[in-house]
Amino acid sequence: YRSQVYITSALAAIAFSSIVWMNIINARLFFGIRGTPRLYMGTCLGIVGFLVLFGPELSGVEYSDKVLFGFGIALLGALCASFGNMVMQAAHRDELPVVQTNAWGMLYGAILTTLISIIVGHEFTIDTRLTYILSFVYLTVFASVVAFVTYLTLLGRIGAQRAGYTAVMFPVVALIISTIFEGLELNLYILGGFGLVIAGNVLVLSDREHATTR
């Protein structure tokens, strides 16, 4: 969120998509899990498709110190998220319950965020407008609790390497919704990028080879 003060949503999304490779590398470092050729190929296809999708927007970006700083923050966020994935991978290995583990993680995150806000001097205010309250409830219940429990369940079933691929799919889903409800006009960049991402998704999710450990 903070990175988008300095960079566009496209750059932030591209930076966060690096979690795919971070998960692959961290799974190897922490658990000795080696990726398969199909996984690597699918991941590369997805990232290339992702870049094609946002090609036109990226061409107009002026790369300044602020942009690089914002991109760095987004990469740091992706790295933290990847470490979180590794923690949950270990929790699944130890057969810890998803809902309770997620609740504790969110509690720790809330405490840390509160402390940081106090230190930097942010005021705690509540917007009483109905639109804000409804969006806040949606973000809290569906986009946080439900979404994370669903994702962490998926992570436990298919592993952090393959589950991390969802970071590439997020903007694709957003583009589909924008096309349906906001009248976004399709072009060759969108269609070509979408096709590559879907092809990569098929390769990643159809990978039936067992992960190997060192």
N, C-alpha and C. Protein backbone atom coordinates (compact mmCIF):
# COMPACT_ATOMS: atom_id res chain seq x y z
N TYR A 1 0.84 -1.20 0.00
CA TYR A 1 0.00 0.00 0.00
C TYR A 1 0.88 1.26 0.00
N ARG A 2 1.87 1.27 0.85
CA ARG A 2 2.72 2.45 0.97
C ARG A 2 3.50 2.72 -0.31
N SER A 3 3.88 1.66 -1.01
CA SER A 3 4.68 1.85 -2.23
C SER A 3 3.92 2.62 -3.29
N GLN A 4 2.60 2.52 -3.29
CA GLN A 4 1.82 3.18 -4.33
C GLN A 4 1.69 4.68 -4.12
N VAL A 5 2.27 5.19 -3.05
CA VAL A 5 2.42 6.64 -2.91
C VAL A 5 3.45 7.13 -3.92
N TYR A 6 4.38 6.25 -4.29
CA TYR A 6 5.49 6.63 -5.15
C TYR A 6 5.43 6.01 -6.54
N ILE A 7 4.72 4.90 -6.70
CA ILE A 7 4.71 4.22 -8.00
C ILE A 7 3.27 3.88 -8.41
N THR A 8 3.11 3.52 -9.68
CA THR A 8 1.79 3.16 -10.19
C THR A 8 1.40 1.78 -9.70
N SER A 9 0.10 1.47 -9.81
CA SER A 9 -0.38 0.16 -9.40
C SER A 9 0.24 -0.95 -10.24
N ALA A 10 0.54 -0.64 -11.52
CA ALA A 10 1.16 -1.65 -12.39
C ALA A 10 2.54 -2.03 -11.88
N LEU A 11 3.35 -1.03 -11.52
CA LEU A 11 4.68 -1.32 -11.01
C LEU A 11 4.61 -2.05 -9.68
N ALA A 12 3.66 -1.66 -8.83
CA ALA A 12 3.50 -2.33 -7.54
C ALA A 12 3.12 -3.79 -7.75
N ALA A 13 2.22 -4.04 -8.69
CA ALA A 13 1.79 -5.42 -8.97
C ALA A 13 2.94 -6.25 -9.52
N ILE A 14 3.75 -5.65 -10.40
CA ILE A 14 4.89 -6.37 -10.97
C ILE A 14 5.92 -6.69 -9.88
N ALA A 15 6.16 -5.73 -9.00
CA ALA A 15 7.10 -5.98 -7.90
C ALA A 15 6.60 -7.10 -7.02
N PHE A 16 5.30 -7.09 -6.72
CA PHE A 16 4.77 -8.11 -5.81
C PHE A 16 4.70 -9.48 -6.48
N SER A 17 4.63 -9.50 -7.81
CA SER A 17 4.61 -10.79 -8.50
C SER A 17 5.92 -11.54 -8.33
N SER A 18 6.97 -10.82 -7.88
CA SER A 18 8.25 -11.49 -7.65
C SER A 18 8.17 -12.50 -6.51
N ILE A 19 7.06 -12.49 -5.76
CA ILE A 19 6.87 -13.48 -4.70
C ILE A 19 6.88 -14.89 -5.27
N VAL A 20 6.53 -15.03 -6.55
CA VAL A 20 6.55 -16.35 -7.18
C VAL A 20 7.95 -16.93 -7.12
N TRP A 21 8.95 -16.15 -7.56
CA TRP A 21 10.33 -16.62 -7.54
C TRP A 21 10.88 -16.67 -6.12
N MET A 22 10.46 -15.72 -5.30
CA MET A 22 10.91 -15.72 -3.90
C MET A 22 10.46 -17.00 -3.19
N ASN A 23 9.23 -17.42 -3.45
CA ASN A 23 8.74 -18.66 -2.83
C ASN A 23 9.53 -19.87 -3.30
N ILE A 24 9.84 -19.90 -4.58
CA ILE A 24 10.62 -21.02 -5.12
C ILE A 24 12.00 -21.07 -4.47
N ILE A 25 12.65 -19.90 -4.37
CA ILE A 25 13.99 -19.84 -3.78
C ILE A 25 13.94 -20.15 -2.29
N ASN A 26 12.99 -19.54 -1.58
CA ASN A 26 12.90 -19.76 -0.13
C ASN A 26 12.51 -21.19 0.22
N ALA A 27 11.65 -21.81 -0.59
CA ALA A 27 11.29 -23.21 -0.35
C ALA A 27 12.51 -24.10 -0.48
N ARG A 28 13.38 -23.74 -1.41
CA ARG A 28 14.63 -24.48 -1.59
C ARG A 28 15.57 -24.27 -0.40
N LEU A 29 15.67 -23.00 0.05
CA LEU A 29 16.58 -22.67 1.14
C LEU A 29 16.13 -23.25 2.48
N PHE A 30 14.83 -23.11 2.78
CA PHE A 30 14.34 -23.49 4.11
C PHE A 30 13.88 -24.94 4.21
N PHE A 31 13.40 -25.51 3.10
CA PHE A 31 12.85 -26.86 3.17
C PHE A 31 13.53 -27.84 2.21
N GLY A 32 14.47 -27.33 1.41
CA GLY A 32 15.17 -28.20 0.47
C GLY A 32 14.29 -28.70 -0.66
N ILE A 33 13.20 -27.98 -0.97
CA ILE A 33 12.26 -28.41 -2.01
C ILE A 33 12.71 -27.86 -3.36
N ARG A 34 12.92 -28.74 -4.30
CA ARG A 34 13.34 -28.34 -5.65
C ARG A 34 12.12 -28.22 -6.55
N GLY A 35 12.08 -27.15 -7.33
CA GLY A 35 11.02 -26.98 -8.30
C GLY A 35 11.22 -27.88 -9.50
N THR A 36 10.16 -28.14 -10.22
CA THR A 36 10.22 -28.97 -11.42
C THR A 36 10.36 -28.08 -12.66
N PRO A 37 10.84 -28.63 -13.78
CA PRO A 37 10.93 -27.83 -15.02
C PRO A 37 9.59 -27.23 -15.43
N ARG A 38 8.51 -27.97 -15.24
CA ARG A 38 7.19 -27.47 -15.60
C ARG A 38 6.83 -26.24 -14.74
N LEU A 39 7.19 -26.30 -13.47
CA LEU A 39 6.92 -25.17 -12.58
C LEU A 39 7.69 -23.93 -13.03
N TYR A 40 8.97 -24.10 -13.35
CA TYR A 40 9.78 -22.96 -13.79
C TYR A 40 9.26 -22.39 -15.11
N MET A 41 8.89 -23.27 -16.03
CA MET A 41 8.40 -22.83 -17.33
C MET A 41 7.08 -22.07 -17.18
N GLY A 42 6.18 -22.62 -16.38
CA GLY A 42 4.90 -21.97 -16.16
C GLY A 42 5.05 -20.62 -15.49
N THR A 43 5.96 -20.53 -14.53
CA THR A 43 6.21 -19.28 -13.83
C THR A 43 6.76 -18.22 -14.78
N CYS A 44 7.70 -18.61 -15.62
CA CYS A 44 8.27 -17.67 -16.60
C CYS A 44 7.20 -17.19 -17.58
N LEU A 45 6.36 -18.09 -18.05
CA LEU A 45 5.28 -17.69 -18.95
C LEU A 45 4.35 -16.68 -18.28
N GLY A 46 4.02 -16.95 -17.03
CA GLY A 46 3.12 -16.06 -16.30
C GLY A 46 3.70 -14.67 -16.13
N ILE A 47 4.98 -14.58 -15.78
CA ILE A 47 5.61 -13.28 -15.57
C ILE A 47 5.75 -12.52 -16.89
N VAL A 48 6.09 -13.23 -17.97
CA VAL A 48 6.16 -12.57 -19.29
C VAL A 48 4.78 -12.04 -19.68
N GLY A 49 3.76 -12.86 -19.47
CA GLY A 49 2.40 -12.41 -19.77
C GLY A 49 2.00 -11.21 -18.94
N PHE A 50 2.44 -11.21 -17.70
CA PHE A 50 2.17 -10.11 -16.79
C PHE A 50 2.79 -8.82 -17.31
N LEU A 51 4.03 -8.90 -17.78
CA LEU A 51 4.72 -7.73 -18.33
C LEU A 51 4.04 -7.23 -19.61
N VAL A 52 3.57 -8.17 -20.42
CA VAL A 52 2.86 -7.79 -21.65
C VAL A 52 1.57 -7.05 -21.31
N LEU A 53 0.85 -7.54 -20.30
CA LEU A 53 -0.40 -6.91 -19.89
C LEU A 53 -0.21 -5.44 -19.55
N PHE A 54 0.86 -5.15 -18.83
CA PHE A 54 1.08 -3.78 -18.35
C PHE A 54 2.12 -3.03 -19.18
N GLY A 55 2.45 -3.57 -20.34
CA GLY A 55 3.43 -2.92 -21.21
C GLY A 55 3.13 -1.47 -21.51
N PRO A 56 1.91 -1.17 -21.99
CA PRO A 56 1.60 0.24 -22.32
C PRO A 56 1.73 1.18 -21.13
N GLU A 57 1.30 0.74 -19.96
CA GLU A 57 1.38 1.60 -18.78
C GLU A 57 2.82 1.81 -18.35
N LEU A 58 3.63 0.76 -18.47
CA LEU A 58 5.03 0.87 -18.04
C LEU A 58 5.83 1.80 -18.96
N SER A 59 5.42 1.89 -20.23
CA SER A 59 6.16 2.72 -21.18
C SER A 59 6.11 4.20 -20.82
N GLY A 60 5.09 4.59 -20.05
CA GLY A 60 4.96 6.00 -19.69
C GLY A 60 5.52 6.35 -18.33
N VAL A 61 6.17 5.39 -17.68
CA VAL A 61 6.70 5.63 -16.34
C VAL A 61 8.04 6.36 -16.41
N GLU A 62 8.18 7.42 -15.62
CA GLU A 62 9.45 8.12 -15.51
C GLU A 62 10.19 7.59 -14.28
N TYR A 63 11.32 6.96 -14.52
CA TYR A 63 12.05 6.30 -13.44
C TYR A 63 12.92 7.30 -12.69
N SER A 64 12.47 7.67 -11.52
CA SER A 64 13.18 8.62 -10.67
C SER A 64 13.56 7.94 -9.37
N ASP A 65 14.19 8.68 -8.47
CA ASP A 65 14.57 8.12 -7.18
C ASP A 65 13.33 7.69 -6.39
N LYS A 66 12.25 8.47 -6.49
CA LYS A 66 11.02 8.13 -5.78
C LYS A 66 10.42 6.83 -6.31
N VAL A 67 10.47 6.66 -7.63
CA VAL A 67 9.94 5.43 -8.23
C VAL A 67 10.74 4.23 -7.78
N LEU A 68 12.06 4.36 -7.80
CA LEU A 68 12.92 3.26 -7.36
C LEU A 68 12.70 2.95 -5.88
N PHE A 69 12.49 4.00 -5.07
CA PHE A 69 12.22 3.81 -3.65
C PHE A 69 10.91 3.06 -3.45
N GLY A 70 9.87 3.47 -4.17
CA GLY A 70 8.57 2.81 -4.08
C GLY A 70 8.64 1.37 -4.55
N PHE A 71 9.39 1.14 -5.63
CA PHE A 71 9.55 -0.23 -6.14
C PHE A 71 10.29 -1.09 -5.12
N GLY A 72 11.27 -0.50 -4.45
CA GLY A 72 12.00 -1.23 -3.41
C GLY A 72 11.10 -1.60 -2.24
N ILE A 73 10.21 -0.68 -1.85
CA ILE A 73 9.27 -0.98 -0.77
C ILE A 73 8.35 -2.14 -1.17
N ALA A 74 7.89 -2.11 -2.42
CA ALA A 74 7.01 -3.19 -2.90
C ALA A 74 7.73 -4.53 -2.90
N LEU A 75 9.00 -4.52 -3.31
CA LEU A 75 9.80 -5.76 -3.29
C LEU A 75 9.99 -6.25 -1.86
N LEU A 76 10.21 -5.32 -0.93
CA LEU A 76 10.37 -5.70 0.47
C LEU A 76 9.07 -6.30 1.00
N GLY A 77 7.94 -5.74 0.58
CA GLY A 77 6.65 -6.31 0.97
C GLY A 77 6.47 -7.72 0.44
N ALA A 78 6.90 -7.93 -0.81
CA ALA A 78 6.81 -9.27 -1.39
C ALA A 78 7.70 -10.25 -0.65
N LEU A 79 8.89 -9.80 -0.24
CA LEU A 79 9.81 -10.66 0.51
C LEU A 79 9.21 -11.04 1.86
N CYS A 80 8.62 -10.07 2.55
CA CYS A 80 7.98 -10.35 3.84
C CYS A 80 6.83 -11.35 3.65
N ALA A 81 6.06 -11.16 2.59
CA ALA A 81 4.95 -12.08 2.31
C ALA A 81 5.48 -13.48 2.02
N SER A 82 6.60 -13.56 1.32
CA SER A 82 7.19 -14.87 1.02
C SER A 82 7.66 -15.56 2.29
N PHE A 83 8.29 -14.79 3.20
CA PHE A 83 8.69 -15.37 4.48
C PHE A 83 7.46 -15.87 5.25
N GLY A 84 6.36 -15.11 5.17
CA GLY A 84 5.12 -15.55 5.79
C GLY A 84 4.62 -16.86 5.21
N ASN A 85 4.77 -16.99 3.89
CA ASN A 85 4.41 -18.25 3.24
C ASN A 85 5.24 -19.41 3.77
N MET A 86 6.53 -19.14 4.02
CA MET A 86 7.39 -20.20 4.54
C MET A 86 6.98 -20.59 5.95
N VAL A 87 6.59 -19.60 6.75
CA VAL A 87 6.12 -19.88 8.11
C VAL A 87 4.88 -20.77 8.05
N MET A 88 3.96 -20.44 7.13
CA MET A 88 2.74 -21.24 7.02
C MET A 88 3.03 -22.62 6.44
N GLN A 89 4.04 -22.71 5.57
CA GLN A 89 4.44 -24.02 5.06
C GLN A 89 4.92 -24.90 6.22
N ALA A 90 5.69 -24.31 7.12
CA ALA A 90 6.16 -25.04 8.29
C ALA A 90 5.00 -25.40 9.21
N ALA A 91 4.02 -24.48 9.34
CA ALA A 91 2.85 -24.74 10.19
C ALA A 91 2.04 -25.91 9.64
N HIS A 92 1.89 -25.96 8.32
CA HIS A 92 1.18 -27.09 7.70
C HIS A 92 1.96 -28.39 7.92
N ARG A 93 3.27 -28.29 7.83
CA ARG A 93 4.10 -29.49 8.04
C ARG A 93 3.92 -30.02 9.45
N ASP A 94 3.73 -29.10 10.40
CA ASP A 94 3.54 -29.49 11.80
C ASP A 94 2.06 -29.72 12.13
N GLU A 95 1.21 -29.68 11.09
CA GLU A 95 -0.23 -29.94 11.22
C GLU A 95 -0.93 -28.99 12.17
N LEU A 96 -0.53 -27.71 12.14
CA LEU A 96 -1.22 -26.69 12.93
C LEU A 96 -2.50 -26.27 12.20
N PRO A 97 -3.57 -25.96 12.92
CA PRO A 97 -4.84 -25.58 12.28
C PRO A 97 -4.74 -24.24 11.57
N VAL A 98 -5.32 -24.15 10.36
CA VAL A 98 -5.19 -22.95 9.52
C VAL A 98 -5.87 -21.74 10.16
N VAL A 99 -7.11 -21.88 10.60
CA VAL A 99 -7.88 -20.74 11.10
C VAL A 99 -7.21 -20.13 12.32
N GLN A 100 -6.83 -20.97 13.29
CA GLN A 100 -6.20 -20.45 14.50
C GLN A 100 -4.83 -19.83 14.20
N THR A 101 -4.06 -20.47 13.33
CA THR A 101 -2.75 -19.94 12.97
C THR A 101 -2.89 -18.58 12.28
N ASN A 102 -3.87 -18.49 11.38
CA ASN A 102 -4.14 -17.24 10.68
C ASN A 102 -4.56 -16.15 11.66
N ALA A 103 -5.38 -16.51 12.65
CA ALA A 103 -5.85 -15.53 13.64
C ALA A 103 -4.68 -14.97 14.46
N TRP A 104 -3.79 -15.85 14.90
CA TRP A 104 -2.63 -15.40 15.65
C TRP A 104 -1.73 -14.50 14.80
N GLY A 105 -1.54 -14.90 13.55
CA GLY A 105 -0.72 -14.09 12.65
C GLY A 105 -1.30 -12.69 12.45
N MET A 106 -2.61 -12.62 12.28
CA MET A 106 -3.25 -11.31 12.11
C MET A 106 -3.18 -10.48 13.39
N LEU A 107 -3.26 -11.14 14.53
CA LEU A 107 -3.13 -10.42 15.80
C LEU A 107 -1.74 -9.82 15.93
N TYR A 108 -0.71 -10.61 15.64
CA TYR A 108 0.66 -10.09 15.69
C TYR A 108 0.83 -8.92 14.72
N GLY A 109 0.27 -9.07 13.52
CA GLY A 109 0.37 -8.01 12.51
C GLY A 109 -0.33 -6.74 12.96
N ALA A 110 -1.50 -6.89 13.58
CA ALA A 110 -2.25 -5.73 14.07
C ALA A 110 -1.49 -5.00 15.17
N ILE A 111 -0.89 -5.77 16.07
CA ILE A 111 -0.12 -5.17 17.17
C ILE A 111 1.10 -4.41 16.62
N LEU A 112 1.80 -5.04 15.67
CA LEU A 112 2.98 -4.41 15.08
C LEU A 112 2.60 -3.13 14.33
N THR A 113 1.51 -3.20 13.55
CA THR A 113 1.06 -2.03 12.79
C THR A 113 0.65 -0.90 13.73
N THR A 114 -0.03 -1.24 14.82
CA THR A 114 -0.44 -0.23 15.80
C THR A 114 0.76 0.45 16.42
N LEU A 115 1.76 -0.34 16.79
CA LEU A 115 2.97 0.23 17.39
C LEU A 115 3.68 1.17 16.41
N ILE A 116 3.79 0.75 15.16
CA ILE A 116 4.44 1.59 14.14
C ILE A 116 3.67 2.89 13.97
N SER A 117 2.33 2.80 13.94
CA SER A 117 1.50 4.00 13.77
C SER A 117 1.67 4.97 14.92
N ILE A 118 1.78 4.43 16.13
CA ILE A 118 1.99 5.28 17.30
C ILE A 118 3.35 5.96 17.24
N ILE A 119 4.37 5.21 16.84
CA ILE A 119 5.73 5.74 16.79
C ILE A 119 5.86 6.88 15.78
N VAL A 120 5.22 6.70 14.59
CA VAL A 120 5.34 7.73 13.55
C VAL A 120 4.32 8.84 13.72
N GLY A 121 3.43 8.72 14.72
CA GLY A 121 2.52 9.82 15.03
C GLY A 121 1.22 9.86 14.26
N HIS A 122 0.77 8.73 13.71
CA HIS A 122 -0.51 8.71 13.01
C HIS A 122 -1.67 8.84 14.01
N GLU A 123 -2.71 9.57 13.60
CA GLU A 123 -3.90 9.69 14.42
C GLU A 123 -4.86 8.54 14.11
N PHE A 124 -5.55 8.06 15.13
CA PHE A 124 -6.52 6.98 14.96
C PHE A 124 -7.91 7.60 14.84
N THR A 125 -8.42 7.67 13.62
CA THR A 125 -9.72 8.25 13.36
C THR A 125 -10.59 7.24 12.62
N ILE A 126 -11.90 7.39 12.74
CA ILE A 126 -12.85 6.51 12.07
C ILE A 126 -13.72 7.33 11.14
N ASP A 127 -13.77 6.95 9.89
CA ASP A 127 -14.66 7.58 8.91
C ASP A 127 -16.05 6.97 9.07
N THR A 128 -17.03 7.79 9.39
CA THR A 128 -18.37 7.28 9.68
C THR A 128 -19.27 7.19 8.45
N ARG A 129 -18.74 7.51 7.27
CA ARG A 129 -19.56 7.39 6.06
C ARG A 129 -19.88 5.91 5.78
N LEU A 130 -21.11 5.67 5.32
CA LEU A 130 -21.56 4.30 5.08
C LEU A 130 -20.68 3.59 4.06
N THR A 131 -20.28 4.29 3.00
CA THR A 131 -19.43 3.67 1.97
C THR A 131 -18.11 3.19 2.56
N TYR A 132 -17.56 3.99 3.50
CA TYR A 132 -16.30 3.60 4.13
C TYR A 132 -16.51 2.39 5.04
N ILE A 133 -17.57 2.43 5.84
CA ILE A 133 -17.84 1.33 6.77
C ILE A 133 -18.04 0.02 6.01
N LEU A 134 -18.82 0.07 4.92
CA LEU A 134 -19.08 -1.14 4.13
C LEU A 134 -17.80 -1.67 3.49
N SER A 135 -17.00 -0.76 2.96
CA SER A 135 -15.74 -1.19 2.33
C SER A 135 -14.78 -1.75 3.37
N PHE A 136 -14.79 -1.16 4.57
CA PHE A 136 -13.93 -1.64 5.66
C PHE A 136 -14.35 -3.05 6.10
N VAL A 137 -15.65 -3.27 6.22
CA VAL A 137 -16.16 -4.60 6.60
C VAL A 137 -15.79 -5.63 5.54
N TYR A 138 -15.95 -5.25 4.27
CA TYR A 138 -15.58 -6.17 3.18
C TYR A 138 -14.09 -6.51 3.23
N LEU A 139 -13.26 -5.47 3.41
CA LEU A 139 -11.81 -5.68 3.45
C LEU A 139 -11.42 -6.56 4.64
N THR A 140 -12.10 -6.36 5.77
CA THR A 140 -11.77 -7.12 6.98
C THR A 140 -12.21 -8.58 6.89
N VAL A 141 -13.48 -8.79 6.51
CA VAL A 141 -14.06 -10.13 6.55
C VAL A 141 -13.68 -10.95 5.33
N PHE A 142 -13.98 -10.43 4.15
CA PHE A 142 -13.81 -11.23 2.93
C PHE A 142 -12.40 -11.15 2.35
N ALA A 143 -11.88 -9.92 2.25
CA ALA A 143 -10.57 -9.75 1.60
C ALA A 143 -9.41 -10.07 2.53
N SER A 144 -9.68 -10.25 3.83
CA SER A 144 -8.61 -10.58 4.77
C SER A 144 -8.81 -11.96 5.39
N VAL A 145 -9.83 -12.10 6.23
CA VAL A 145 -10.02 -13.36 6.94
C VAL A 145 -10.32 -14.50 5.98
N VAL A 146 -11.37 -14.36 5.18
CA VAL A 146 -11.76 -15.43 4.26
C VAL A 146 -10.68 -15.69 3.22
N ALA A 147 -10.15 -14.60 2.65
CA ALA A 147 -9.15 -14.74 1.59
C ALA A 147 -7.89 -15.44 2.09
N PHE A 148 -7.42 -15.05 3.27
CA PHE A 148 -6.18 -15.64 3.78
C PHE A 148 -6.37 -17.08 4.22
N VAL A 149 -7.50 -17.39 4.82
CA VAL A 149 -7.76 -18.79 5.19
C VAL A 149 -7.82 -19.65 3.94
N THR A 150 -8.46 -19.13 2.89
CA THR A 150 -8.54 -19.88 1.63
C THR A 150 -7.16 -20.07 1.02
N TYR A 151 -6.39 -18.97 0.97
CA TYR A 151 -5.05 -19.06 0.38
C TYR A 151 -4.14 -19.98 1.17
N LEU A 152 -4.18 -19.88 2.48
CA LEU A 152 -3.30 -20.71 3.31
C LEU A 152 -3.69 -22.18 3.25
N THR A 153 -4.99 -22.44 3.06
CA THR A 153 -5.42 -23.83 2.84
C THR A 153 -4.86 -24.35 1.53
N LEU A 154 -4.93 -23.50 0.49
CA LEU A 154 -4.36 -23.86 -0.81
C LEU A 154 -2.86 -24.10 -0.69
N LEU A 155 -2.18 -23.23 0.05
CA LEU A 155 -0.74 -23.36 0.24
C LEU A 155 -0.40 -24.70 0.88
N GLY A 156 -1.22 -25.11 1.85
CA GLY A 156 -0.97 -26.39 2.51
C GLY A 156 -1.16 -27.57 1.58
N ARG A 157 -2.05 -27.43 0.60
CA ARG A 157 -2.35 -28.55 -0.30
C ARG A 157 -1.36 -28.66 -1.45
N ILE A 158 -0.94 -27.52 -2.02
CA ILE A 158 -0.09 -27.59 -3.22
C ILE A 158 1.30 -27.01 -2.99
N GLY A 159 1.57 -26.44 -1.81
CA GLY A 159 2.90 -25.92 -1.51
C GLY A 159 3.04 -24.45 -1.87
N ALA A 160 4.00 -23.79 -1.22
CA ALA A 160 4.20 -22.36 -1.40
C ALA A 160 4.66 -22.02 -2.81
N GLN A 161 5.41 -22.93 -3.45
CA GLN A 161 5.93 -22.65 -4.78
C GLN A 161 4.80 -22.43 -5.77
N ARG A 162 3.81 -23.32 -5.78
CA ARG A 162 2.71 -23.21 -6.73
C ARG A 162 1.66 -22.21 -6.27
N ALA A 163 1.42 -22.14 -4.97
CA ALA A 163 0.42 -21.21 -4.45
C ALA A 163 0.83 -19.76 -4.70
N GLY A 164 2.13 -19.48 -4.69
CA GLY A 164 2.62 -18.14 -4.94
C GLY A 164 2.25 -17.61 -6.31
N TYR A 165 1.92 -18.51 -7.22
CA TYR A 165 1.55 -18.10 -8.58
C TYR A 165 0.29 -17.24 -8.58
N THR A 166 -0.50 -17.31 -7.52
CA THR A 166 -1.72 -16.49 -7.46
C THR A 166 -1.40 -15.00 -7.55
N ALA A 167 -0.19 -14.59 -7.16
CA ALA A 167 0.20 -13.19 -7.25
C ALA A 167 0.19 -12.69 -8.69
N VAL A 168 0.43 -13.60 -9.63
CA VAL A 168 0.37 -13.24 -11.05
C VAL A 168 -1.07 -13.14 -11.51
N MET A 169 -1.96 -13.92 -10.90
CA MET A 169 -3.35 -13.97 -11.33
C MET A 169 -4.17 -12.79 -10.82
N PHE A 170 -3.77 -12.16 -9.71
CA PHE A 170 -4.57 -11.08 -9.13
C PHE A 170 -4.90 -9.98 -10.15
N PRO A 171 -3.90 -9.40 -10.83
CA PRO A 171 -4.20 -8.32 -11.78
C PRO A 171 -5.04 -8.80 -12.97
N VAL A 172 -4.87 -10.07 -13.34
CA VAL A 172 -5.66 -10.61 -14.45
C VAL A 172 -7.14 -10.61 -14.08
N VAL A 173 -7.44 -11.05 -12.86
CA VAL A 173 -8.83 -11.03 -12.39
C VAL A 173 -9.34 -9.60 -12.34
N ALA A 174 -8.49 -8.67 -11.89
CA ALA A 174 -8.90 -7.26 -11.84
C ALA A 174 -9.22 -6.72 -13.23
N LEU A 175 -8.44 -7.12 -14.23
CA LEU A 175 -8.69 -6.68 -15.61
C LEU A 175 -10.01 -7.25 -16.13
N ILE A 176 -10.30 -8.51 -15.79
CA ILE A 176 -11.56 -9.11 -16.21
C ILE A 176 -12.75 -8.36 -15.61
N ILE A 177 -12.66 -8.05 -14.31
CA ILE A 177 -13.74 -7.32 -13.64
C ILE A 177 -13.88 -5.93 -14.24
N SER A 178 -12.75 -5.28 -14.54
CA SER A 178 -12.78 -3.95 -15.13
C SER A 178 -13.41 -3.98 -16.52
N THR A 179 -13.14 -5.04 -17.28
CA THR A 179 -13.72 -5.17 -18.61
C THR A 179 -15.24 -5.33 -18.53
N ILE A 180 -15.71 -6.10 -17.55
CA ILE A 180 -17.15 -6.36 -17.42
C ILE A 180 -17.91 -5.16 -16.87
N PHE A 181 -17.37 -4.54 -15.82
CA PHE A 181 -18.12 -3.51 -15.11
C PHE A 181 -17.70 -2.08 -15.42
N GLU A 182 -16.49 -1.89 -15.94
CA GLU A 182 -16.00 -0.54 -16.18
C GLU A 182 -15.78 -0.23 -17.65
N GLY A 183 -16.10 -1.17 -18.51
CA GLY A 183 -15.99 -0.92 -19.94
C GLY A 183 -14.57 -0.83 -20.46
N LEU A 184 -13.63 -1.51 -19.81
CA LEU A 184 -12.25 -1.52 -20.29
C LEU A 184 -12.21 -2.14 -21.68
N GLU A 185 -11.55 -1.44 -22.61
CA GLU A 185 -11.46 -1.94 -23.98
C GLU A 185 -10.30 -2.91 -24.12
N LEU A 186 -10.61 -4.08 -24.68
CA LEU A 186 -9.58 -5.10 -24.89
C LEU A 186 -8.67 -4.71 -26.05
N ASN A 187 -7.39 -5.01 -25.92
CA ASN A 187 -6.44 -4.78 -27.00
C ASN A 187 -5.49 -5.96 -27.08
N LEU A 188 -4.53 -5.89 -28.00
CA LEU A 188 -3.62 -7.01 -28.20
C LEU A 188 -2.74 -7.27 -26.98
N TYR A 189 -2.38 -6.19 -26.28
CA TYR A 189 -1.56 -6.37 -25.08
C TYR A 189 -2.33 -7.18 -24.02
N ILE A 190 -3.59 -6.82 -23.80
CA ILE A 190 -4.39 -7.50 -22.79
C ILE A 190 -4.64 -8.95 -23.19
N LEU A 191 -5.04 -9.15 -24.44
CA LEU A 191 -5.35 -10.51 -24.90
C LEU A 191 -4.10 -11.39 -24.92
N GLY A 192 -2.98 -10.85 -25.42
CA GLY A 192 -1.74 -11.62 -25.46
C GLY A 192 -1.22 -11.93 -24.08
N GLY A 193 -1.20 -10.93 -23.20
CA GLY A 193 -0.73 -11.15 -21.84
C GLY A 193 -1.61 -12.12 -21.09
N PHE A 194 -2.94 -11.98 -21.27
CA PHE A 194 -3.88 -12.88 -20.62
C PHE A 194 -3.64 -14.32 -21.06
N GLY A 195 -3.42 -14.51 -22.36
CA GLY A 195 -3.17 -15.85 -22.88
C GLY A 195 -1.92 -16.49 -22.29
N LEU A 196 -0.85 -15.69 -22.17
CA LEU A 196 0.40 -16.21 -21.61
C LEU A 196 0.24 -16.57 -20.13
N VAL A 197 -0.48 -15.71 -19.39
CA VAL A 197 -0.69 -15.98 -17.96
C VAL A 197 -1.50 -17.25 -17.77
N ILE A 198 -2.55 -17.41 -18.56
CA ILE A 198 -3.38 -18.62 -18.46
C ILE A 198 -2.56 -19.87 -18.82
N ALA A 199 -1.72 -19.76 -19.86
CA ALA A 199 -0.88 -20.89 -20.25
C ALA A 199 0.08 -21.26 -19.11
N GLY A 200 0.66 -20.24 -18.49
CA GLY A 200 1.54 -20.49 -17.35
C GLY A 200 0.79 -21.11 -16.19
N ASN A 201 -0.44 -20.65 -15.97
CA ASN A 201 -1.27 -21.20 -14.89
C ASN A 201 -1.55 -22.67 -15.11
N VAL A 202 -1.85 -23.02 -16.35
CA VAL A 202 -2.13 -24.42 -16.69
C VAL A 202 -0.90 -25.29 -16.42
N LEU A 203 0.28 -24.80 -16.82
CA LEU A 203 1.51 -25.57 -16.60
C LEU A 203 1.80 -25.76 -15.11
N VAL A 204 1.64 -24.68 -14.34
CA VAL A 204 1.94 -24.75 -12.91
C VAL A 204 0.98 -25.69 -12.19
N LEU A 205 -0.30 -25.54 -12.45
CA LEU A 205 -1.30 -26.32 -11.71
C LEU A 205 -1.45 -27.75 -12.21
N SER A 206 -0.96 -28.02 -13.41
CA SER A 206 -1.04 -29.39 -13.93
C SER A 206 0.24 -30.16 -13.65
N ASP A 207 1.15 -29.54 -12.91
CA ASP A 207 2.43 -30.19 -12.57
C ASP A 207 2.15 -31.32 -11.56
N ARG A 208 2.24 -32.53 -12.02
CA ARG A 208 1.96 -33.68 -11.15
C ARG A 208 3.21 -34.33 -10.59
N GLU A 209 4.38 -33.75 -10.93
CA GLU A 209 5.63 -34.33 -10.42
C GLU A 209 5.76 -34.02 -8.94
N HIS A 210 6.29 -34.98 -8.20
CA HIS A 210 6.49 -34.78 -6.78
C HIS A 210 7.71 -33.90 -6.56
N ALA A 211 7.55 -32.91 -5.67
CA ALA A 211 8.69 -32.07 -5.32
C ALA A 211 9.76 -32.92 -4.66
N THR A 212 10.99 -32.63 -4.96
CA THR A 212 12.08 -33.40 -4.38
C THR A 212 12.84 -32.53 -3.38
N THR A 213 13.47 -33.17 -2.45
CA THR A 213 14.25 -32.44 -1.45
C THR A 213 15.69 -32.84 -1.57
N ARG A 214 16.54 -31.95 -1.08
CA ARG A 214 17.99 -32.24 -1.18
C ARG A 214 18.36 -33.39 -0.25
